[in-house]
């Protein structure tokens, strides 16, 4: 097992009725900017619960953060933060709203030329404006980590950012919110969390037995609850396990002491930026091709995954590894998610070359856990995904 330094300061309040505790977590004299997305929280009762809990606080609202948090929209919110002298941010939404809030937490205290530099120059945020979150859509794990991904529509770019100053001070996870989530978003959340685990697990062994078991347990739980949650989102037990699995998939625990990949995500982000395909669906598009292309270096872990998670016990290591890849694709399809780029757009010719050029221009020349995911290999993977 590799050395690691684990620190996660986020206070998680999990379960029914936890939204009413928001007021106890925000300083009484704070001036709060309440951030949310397209307004669904005003239809499912969450908005009412949040505003009622904040009656003793001074609150200004900013809605309209899109599914892929858009830089131009966030800059409007940043203007409000500065003009209104906001001191605390509260994200009420899914990963996109929380990611957008993290960008604002960083940008509000950034004294550089332009906040866009935080993304393009990969500037870590050591200290950000304090913020909390009320999770309404399990998927990204953003409610308990310090990372975010931001899109800029005008340039069709999508960049990741992060730093120790971007952990939420608290996050409220109430599984009852899941009953109002559309099927498409439930499927996306299941797929997104699943691939988050794979990126930290299907690399190479460093003898981190407990870490492997942690990852496998999250994968097994997602597989187990997926049909239940899709059939009945009001099933509190299934919803609870779904929500906590999504959080555990990317709260920093699984990545400790082990190598991580993130190649699928880096390529998937480009597909979202170029074609506006749902983030989780871009991951499903790339996963099979990525693992097939990198079979030799990932064979041992893929076979272990197939055996422990999917009960594939017959065949050679390579045969079991390939079976694991196929089982993953079948799982995505069971969620109603297509797994080829051509399923989403007819305008895919040249995409592989464009993404490879972007990676080259950015200096992303040796990615993946072994540094072997070059722009040329990326191009091959994308073409395999057509």
Protein backbone atom coordinates (compact mmCIF):
# COMPACT_ATOMS: atom_id res chain seq x y z
CA UNK A 1 0.00 0.00 0.00
CA UNK A 2 1.25 3.48 -0.87
CA UNK A 3 1.71 6.25 1.71
CA UNK A 4 -1.26 8.56 2.15
CA UNK A 5 -2.53 11.55 4.12
CA UNK A 6 -6.29 11.42 4.68
CA UNK A 7 -8.20 14.47 5.90
CA UNK A 8 -11.87 15.19 5.27
CA UNK A 9 -13.37 18.04 7.32
CA UNK A 10 -16.93 17.87 5.94
CA UNK A 11 -19.62 17.33 8.56
CA UNK A 12 -22.24 15.01 7.06
CA UNK A 13 -25.80 15.16 8.39
CA UNK A 14 -27.53 12.08 7.00
CA UNK A 15 -31.19 11.09 7.14
CA UNK A 16 -34.75 12.36 7.30
CA UNK A 17 -35.41 15.82 8.65
CA UNK A 18 -31.79 16.96 8.64
CA UNK A 19 -32.47 20.07 6.52
CA UNK A 20 -33.93 21.84 9.55
CA UNK A 21 -30.45 21.77 11.14
CA UNK A 22 -28.94 24.15 8.54
CA UNK A 23 -29.33 27.20 10.78
CA UNK A 24 -27.12 25.60 13.43
CA UNK A 25 -24.31 25.14 10.91
CA UNK A 26 -24.17 28.68 9.50
CA UNK A 27 -22.90 31.64 11.57
CA UNK A 28 -25.80 33.74 12.84
CA UNK A 29 -24.34 36.95 11.38
CA UNK A 30 -23.56 35.42 7.96
CA UNK A 31 -24.92 36.95 4.77
CA UNK A 32 -25.88 33.89 2.75
CA UNK A 33 -26.09 33.38 -1.01
CA UNK A 34 -28.46 30.48 -1.68
CA UNK A 35 -27.50 28.78 -4.96
CA UNK A 36 -29.60 26.30 -6.90
CA UNK A 37 -30.28 25.02 -10.39
CA UNK A 38 -33.30 25.01 -12.66
CA UNK A 39 -35.89 25.43 -9.95
CA UNK A 40 -36.89 21.83 -9.23
CA UNK A 41 -36.29 22.48 -5.53
CA UNK A 42 -39.32 24.79 -5.61
CA UNK A 43 -41.49 21.93 -6.85
CA UNK A 44 -40.40 19.15 -4.52
CA UNK A 45 -40.57 21.01 -1.22
CA UNK A 46 -36.83 21.31 -0.60
CA UNK A 47 -36.75 25.06 -1.20
CA UNK A 48 -39.47 25.60 1.37
CA UNK A 49 -37.62 23.48 3.94
CA UNK A 50 -34.35 25.34 3.37
CA UNK A 51 -35.79 28.85 3.46
CA UNK A 52 -37.83 28.03 6.54
CA UNK A 53 -34.68 26.82 8.29
CA UNK A 54 -32.92 30.09 7.35
CA UNK A 55 -35.56 32.55 8.52
CA UNK A 56 -33.17 34.03 11.05
CA UNK A 57 -30.43 34.59 8.45
CA UNK A 58 -30.05 37.23 5.77
CA UNK A 59 -30.37 35.36 2.49
CA UNK A 60 -30.02 36.33 -1.18
CA UNK A 61 -30.86 33.81 -3.90
CA UNK A 62 -29.23 32.90 -7.19
CA UNK A 63 -30.85 30.23 -9.35
CA UNK A 64 -30.24 28.89 -12.82
CA UNK A 65 -26.93 27.05 -12.46
CA UNK A 66 -27.10 24.54 -15.36
CA UNK A 67 -26.42 20.81 -15.35
CA UNK A 68 -22.84 21.44 -16.43
CA UNK A 69 -21.98 24.48 -14.30
CA UNK A 70 -21.35 27.23 -16.82
CA UNK A 71 -18.59 29.77 -16.29
CA UNK A 72 -20.57 32.73 -17.64
CA UNK A 73 -23.51 32.01 -15.33
CA UNK A 74 -21.22 31.61 -12.35
CA UNK A 75 -19.58 34.94 -13.10
CA UNK A 76 -23.01 36.55 -12.67
CA UNK A 77 -23.23 34.96 -9.24
CA UNK A 78 -19.70 36.12 -8.44
CA UNK A 79 -20.75 39.69 -9.18
CA UNK A 80 -23.55 39.36 -6.61
CA UNK A 81 -21.16 37.89 -4.04
CA UNK A 82 -18.93 40.92 -4.33
CA UNK A 83 -21.59 43.63 -4.63
CA UNK A 84 -23.69 42.24 -1.76
CA UNK A 85 -20.70 41.38 0.42
CA UNK A 86 -21.75 37.74 0.80
CA UNK A 87 -19.93 35.84 3.53
CA UNK A 88 -21.37 32.32 3.22
CA UNK A 89 -22.50 30.16 0.28
CA UNK A 90 -25.17 27.47 0.44
CA UNK A 91 -25.54 25.04 -2.48
CA UNK A 92 -28.92 23.34 -2.75
CA UNK A 93 -28.79 20.84 -5.60
CA UNK A 94 -26.79 18.07 -7.20
CA UNK A 95 -23.14 17.90 -8.12
CA UNK A 96 -23.37 20.69 -10.69
CA UNK A 97 -24.71 23.23 -8.21
CA UNK A 98 -22.17 22.15 -5.59
CA UNK A 99 -19.33 22.26 -8.13
CA UNK A 100 -20.42 25.74 -9.22
CA UNK A 101 -20.48 26.83 -5.59
CA UNK A 102 -16.94 25.52 -5.12
CA UNK A 103 -15.79 27.61 -8.07
CA UNK A 104 -17.45 30.65 -6.50
CA UNK A 105 -15.85 29.87 -3.14
CA UNK A 106 -12.47 29.94 -4.86
CA UNK A 107 -13.15 32.87 -7.19
CA UNK A 108 -14.55 35.09 -4.42
CA UNK A 109 -11.14 35.18 -2.73
CA UNK A 110 -8.96 34.97 -5.85
CA UNK A 111 -6.85 38.06 -6.47
CA UNK A 112 -5.44 37.09 -9.87
CA UNK A 113 -6.23 38.57 -13.25
CA UNK A 114 -9.27 36.41 -14.07
CA UNK A 115 -11.02 33.54 -12.26
CA UNK A 116 -10.71 31.47 -15.45
CA UNK A 117 -7.03 31.09 -14.54
CA UNK A 118 -8.06 28.95 -11.58
CA UNK A 119 -9.19 26.35 -14.12
CA UNK A 120 -6.77 26.69 -17.03
CA UNK A 121 -3.69 27.11 -14.83
CA UNK A 122 -4.79 24.43 -12.36
CA UNK A 123 -4.49 26.76 -9.36
CA UNK A 124 -5.22 24.93 -6.11
CA UNK A 125 -7.50 26.73 -3.66
CA UNK A 126 -5.94 26.62 -0.22
CA UNK A 127 -8.57 28.88 1.38
CA UNK A 128 -12.04 29.48 -0.04
CA UNK A 129 -15.20 31.24 1.07
CA UNK A 130 -17.05 28.99 3.55
CA UNK A 131 -19.97 27.04 2.14
CA UNK A 132 -22.33 24.19 2.86
CA UNK A 133 -24.51 21.92 0.74
CA UNK A 134 -27.92 20.32 0.69
CA UNK A 135 -27.69 17.37 -1.68
CA UNK A 136 -30.71 16.82 -3.92
CA UNK A 137 -29.23 14.48 -6.54
CA UNK A 138 -26.75 11.73 -5.58
CA UNK A 139 -24.05 11.15 -8.20
CA UNK A 140 -20.81 13.08 -8.05
CA UNK A 141 -19.72 12.89 -4.41
CA UNK A 142 -19.06 16.64 -4.56
CA UNK A 143 -20.89 17.01 -1.25
CA UNK A 144 -17.93 15.43 0.58
CA UNK A 145 -14.85 16.21 -1.51
CA UNK A 146 -12.83 19.22 -2.58
CA UNK A 147 -13.01 18.86 -6.37
CA UNK A 148 -15.18 20.47 -9.03
CA UNK A 149 -15.57 20.57 -12.81
CA UNK A 150 -16.61 23.73 -14.67
CA UNK A 151 -17.70 24.20 -18.30
CA UNK A 152 -17.25 27.20 -20.59
CA UNK A 153 -19.75 27.08 -23.44
CA UNK A 154 -18.15 29.74 -25.61
CA UNK A 155 -14.94 27.72 -25.96
CA UNK A 156 -16.48 24.26 -25.51
CA UNK A 157 -14.05 23.47 -22.71
CA UNK A 158 -14.44 21.67 -19.39
CA UNK A 159 -11.82 21.82 -16.64
CA UNK A 160 -11.37 20.30 -13.20
CA UNK A 161 -10.27 22.27 -10.15
CA UNK A 162 -9.81 21.70 -6.44
CA UNK A 163 -7.82 22.23 -3.28
CA UNK A 164 -8.15 21.81 0.49
CA UNK A 165 -10.10 25.06 0.75
CA UNK A 166 -13.01 23.61 -1.19
CA UNK A 167 -14.43 21.00 1.18
CA UNK A 168 -18.00 21.86 2.21
CA UNK A 169 -18.14 22.74 5.90
CA UNK A 170 -21.25 20.57 6.08
CA UNK A 171 -23.47 18.59 3.75
CA UNK A 172 -27.01 17.48 4.39
CA UNK A 173 -27.99 14.14 2.84
CA UNK A 174 -31.71 13.42 3.13
CA UNK A 175 -32.62 10.29 1.10
CA UNK A 176 -36.28 11.34 0.90
CA UNK A 177 -35.35 13.86 -1.83
CA UNK A 178 -34.71 10.99 -4.24
CA UNK A 179 -38.41 10.25 -4.74
CA UNK A 180 -38.74 13.39 -6.90
CA UNK A 181 -35.74 12.73 -9.16
CA UNK A 182 -36.49 11.82 -12.83
CA UNK A 183 -35.47 8.34 -14.00
CA UNK A 184 -32.80 9.69 -16.34
CA UNK A 185 -31.06 11.45 -13.49
CA UNK A 186 -31.28 8.41 -11.25
CA UNK A 187 -29.63 6.33 -13.98
CA UNK A 188 -26.96 8.96 -14.44
CA UNK A 189 -26.23 9.03 -10.71
CA UNK A 190 -25.84 5.26 -10.54
CA UNK A 191 -23.50 5.19 -13.54
CA UNK A 192 -21.48 8.19 -12.40
CA UNK A 193 -20.84 6.77 -8.94
CA UNK A 194 -20.02 3.36 -10.41
CA UNK A 195 -17.31 4.77 -12.69
CA UNK A 196 -15.93 6.92 -9.87
CA UNK A 197 -15.14 3.70 -8.04
CA UNK A 198 -13.71 2.00 -11.13
CA UNK A 199 -11.30 4.88 -11.74
CA UNK A 200 -9.79 4.34 -8.28
CA UNK A 201 -9.93 0.55 -8.33
CA UNK A 202 -9.11 -0.83 -11.78
CA UNK A 203 -5.46 0.13 -11.95
CA UNK A 204 -2.80 -2.22 -10.55
CA UNK A 205 -2.36 -3.93 -7.21
CA UNK A 206 -0.25 -2.40 -4.44
CA UNK A 207 -1.38 -4.86 -1.80
CA UNK A 208 -4.07 -2.54 -0.42
CA UNK A 209 -6.47 -5.34 0.44
CA UNK A 210 -8.86 -3.29 2.55
CA UNK A 211 -9.02 -0.52 -0.05
CA UNK A 212 -9.96 -3.10 -2.69
CA UNK A 213 -12.70 -4.45 -0.44
CA UNK A 214 -14.01 -0.94 0.23
CA UNK A 215 -14.25 -0.30 -3.52
CA UNK A 216 -15.84 -3.66 -4.25
CA UNK A 217 -18.44 -3.17 -1.54
CA UNK A 218 -19.52 0.17 -3.01
CA UNK A 219 -19.76 -1.38 -6.48
CA UNK A 220 -21.78 -4.32 -5.17
CA UNK A 221 -24.14 -2.02 -3.30
CA UNK A 222 -24.76 0.14 -6.38
CA UNK A 223 -25.50 -2.99 -8.43
CA UNK A 224 -27.84 -4.25 -5.72
CA UNK A 225 -29.85 -1.06 -5.26
CA UNK A 226 -29.97 0.04 -8.91
CA UNK A 227 -33.09 -1.94 -9.93
CA UNK A 228 -34.79 -1.10 -6.63
CA UNK A 229 -34.25 2.63 -6.87
CA UNK A 230 -35.25 2.77 -10.53
CA UNK A 231 -38.44 0.83 -9.79
CA UNK A 232 -39.39 2.74 -6.65
CA UNK A 233 -37.47 5.95 -5.77
CA UNK A 234 -39.62 6.23 -2.64
CA UNK A 235 -38.00 3.10 -1.17
CA UNK A 236 -36.18 4.78 1.73
CA UNK A 237 -33.81 1.88 2.37
CA UNK A 238 -32.74 1.71 -1.28
CA UNK A 239 -32.52 5.50 -1.48
CA UNK A 240 -30.34 5.64 1.63
CA UNK A 241 -27.89 3.07 0.28
CA UNK A 242 -27.87 4.75 -3.14
CA UNK A 243 -27.15 8.19 -1.69
CA UNK A 244 -24.41 7.02 0.69
CA UNK A 245 -22.77 4.89 -2.02
CA UNK A 246 -22.52 7.93 -4.29
CA UNK A 247 -20.90 9.91 -1.49
CA UNK A 248 -18.48 7.13 -0.52
CA UNK A 249 -17.52 6.60 -4.16
CA UNK A 250 -15.72 9.93 -4.27
CA UNK A 251 -15.13 11.35 -0.80
CA UNK A 252 -11.43 10.54 -0.82
CA UNK A 253 -11.48 7.28 1.11
CA UNK A 254 -11.20 4.83 -1.79
CA UNK A 255 -8.21 6.59 -3.36
CA UNK A 256 -6.00 6.43 -0.26
CA UNK A 257 -2.87 4.32 -0.64
CA UNK A 258 -3.68 3.17 -4.19
CA UNK A 259 -3.01 4.44 -7.73
CA UNK A 260 -5.90 6.11 -9.57
CA UNK A 261 -6.61 6.44 -13.28
CA UNK A 262 -9.20 9.14 -14.20
CA UNK A 263 -8.59 8.68 -17.92
CA UNK A 264 -12.26 7.88 -18.54
CA UNK A 265 -13.30 11.13 -16.88
CA UNK A 266 -10.76 13.27 -18.71
CA UNK A 267 -11.97 11.98 -22.07
CA UNK A 268 -15.60 12.05 -21.01
CA UNK A 269 -15.35 15.72 -20.02
CA UNK A 270 -14.39 16.55 -23.59
CA UNK A 271 -17.45 14.75 -24.97
CA UNK A 272 -19.68 16.76 -22.64
CA UNK A 273 -17.99 20.00 -23.65
CA UNK A 274 -18.26 19.21 -27.36
CA UNK A 275 -21.70 17.61 -27.56
CA UNK A 276 -23.46 18.52 -24.28
CA UNK A 277 -23.94 14.82 -23.50
CA UNK A 278 -24.77 14.06 -19.86
CA UNK A 279 -21.56 13.55 -17.89
CA UNK A 280 -22.44 10.04 -16.70
CA UNK A 281 -23.30 8.98 -20.24
CA UNK A 282 -19.94 10.12 -21.57
CA UNK A 283 -18.34 7.84 -18.99
CA UNK A 284 -20.44 4.94 -20.22
CA UNK A 285 -19.37 5.73 -23.77
CA UNK A 286 -15.66 5.57 -22.94
CA UNK A 287 -15.43 2.83 -20.29
CA UNK A 288 -15.48 -0.29 -22.47
CA UNK A 289 -13.02 1.10 -25.01
CA UNK A 290 -10.68 2.42 -22.32
CA UNK A 291 -10.42 -0.92 -20.54
CA UNK A 292 -10.20 -2.89 -23.76
CA UNK A 293 -7.36 -0.69 -25.03
CA UNK A 294 -5.52 -0.94 -21.70
CA UNK A 295 -6.30 -4.60 -21.05
CA UNK A 296 -2.68 -5.70 -20.63
CA UNK A 297 -1.86 -3.26 -17.83
CA UNK A 298 -5.26 -3.61 -16.10
CA UNK A 299 -5.79 -7.33 -16.63
CA UNK A 300 -5.17 -8.43 -13.04
CA UNK A 301 -7.55 -5.89 -11.48
CA UNK A 302 -10.20 -6.41 -14.18
CA UNK A 303 -10.18 -10.14 -13.51
CA UNK A 304 -10.39 -9.56 -9.76
CA UNK A 305 -13.29 -7.17 -10.35
CA UNK A 306 -15.09 -9.70 -12.53
CA UNK A 307 -14.72 -12.42 -9.93
CA UNK A 308 -15.45 -10.49 -6.75
CA UNK A 309 -18.13 -8.13 -8.04
CA UNK A 310 -19.78 -10.09 -10.86
CA UNK A 311 -19.08 -13.70 -9.68
CA UNK A 312 -17.19 -14.60 -12.87
CA UNK A 313 -15.10 -17.59 -11.78
CA UNK A 314 -14.47 -19.51 -15.01
CA UNK A 315 -11.71 -18.92 -17.55
CA UNK A 316 -8.20 -17.52 -17.66
CA UNK A 317 -7.29 -14.19 -16.15
CA UNK A 318 -7.66 -12.51 -19.56
CA UNK A 319 -11.02 -14.15 -20.19
CA UNK A 320 -12.32 -13.06 -16.81
CA UNK A 321 -10.96 -9.56 -17.39
CA UNK A 322 -12.84 -9.31 -20.68
CA UNK A 323 -15.96 -10.67 -19.01
CA UNK A 324 -15.68 -7.91 -16.40
CA UNK A 325 -15.60 -5.30 -19.15
CA UNK A 326 -18.65 -6.82 -20.80
CA UNK A 327 -20.54 -7.03 -17.50
CA UNK A 328 -19.90 -3.31 -16.99
CA UNK A 329 -21.34 -2.43 -20.39
CA UNK A 330 -24.37 -4.61 -19.68
CA UNK A 331 -24.86 -2.82 -16.36
CA UNK A 332 -24.93 0.57 -18.09
CA UNK A 333 -27.48 -0.73 -20.57
CA UNK A 334 -29.62 -2.10 -17.73
CA UNK A 335 -29.81 1.50 -16.51
CA UNK A 336 -31.09 2.60 -19.90
CA UNK A 337 -27.78 4.20 -20.87
CA UNK A 338 -26.38 3.83 -24.41
CA UNK A 339 -22.66 3.18 -24.66
CA UNK A 340 -21.54 4.42 -28.08
CA UNK A 341 -20.91 8.01 -29.16
CA UNK A 342 -22.92 7.37 -32.34
CA UNK A 343 -25.95 6.73 -30.11
CA UNK A 344 -25.85 10.41 -29.14
CA UNK A 345 -24.67 12.27 -32.23
CA UNK A 346 -24.18 11.70 -35.94
CA UNK A 347 -21.49 14.39 -35.99
CA UNK A 348 -18.73 12.34 -34.38
CA UNK A 349 -16.18 12.13 -37.20
CA UNK A 350 -12.95 13.87 -36.24
CA UNK A 351 -13.78 13.87 -32.53
CA UNK A 352 -10.88 11.57 -31.65
CA UNK A 353 -8.34 13.76 -33.39
CA UNK A 354 -9.78 16.94 -31.85
CA UNK A 355 -9.63 15.58 -28.31
CA UNK A 356 -6.10 14.26 -28.84
CA UNK A 357 -5.02 17.70 -30.09
CA UNK A 358 -6.58 19.40 -27.09
CA UNK A 359 -4.68 17.12 -24.75
CA UNK A 360 -1.45 17.75 -26.63
CA UNK A 361 -1.95 21.51 -26.59
CA UNK A 362 -2.57 21.43 -22.83
CA UNK A 363 0.50 19.32 -22.18
CA UNK A 364 -1.52 16.32 -21.03
CA UNK A 365 0.93 13.86 -22.54
CA UNK A 366 1.22 11.08 -19.94
CA UNK A 367 -2.02 10.36 -18.13
CA UNK A 368 -3.45 7.37 -16.32
CA UNK A 369 -1.96 5.46 -13.41
CA UNK A 370 1.06 4.39 -15.46
CA UNK A 371 1.54 7.56 -17.50
CA UNK A 372 0.86 5.58 -20.67
CA UNK A 373 -2.39 7.29 -21.65
CA UNK A 374 -0.93 9.53 -24.35
CA UNK A 375 -2.93 11.72 -26.74
CA UNK A 376 -2.41 9.06 -29.40
CA UNK A 377 -3.88 6.36 -27.17
CA UNK A 378 -6.74 8.68 -26.28
CA UNK A 379 -7.50 9.08 -29.98
CA UNK A 380 -7.63 5.31 -30.38
CA UNK A 381 -9.97 4.93 -27.42
CA UNK A 382 -12.36 7.57 -28.70
CA UNK A 383 -12.47 5.98 -32.16
CA UNK A 384 -13.25 2.62 -30.56
CA UNK A 385 -16.17 4.34 -28.82
CA UNK A 386 -17.81 5.59 -32.01
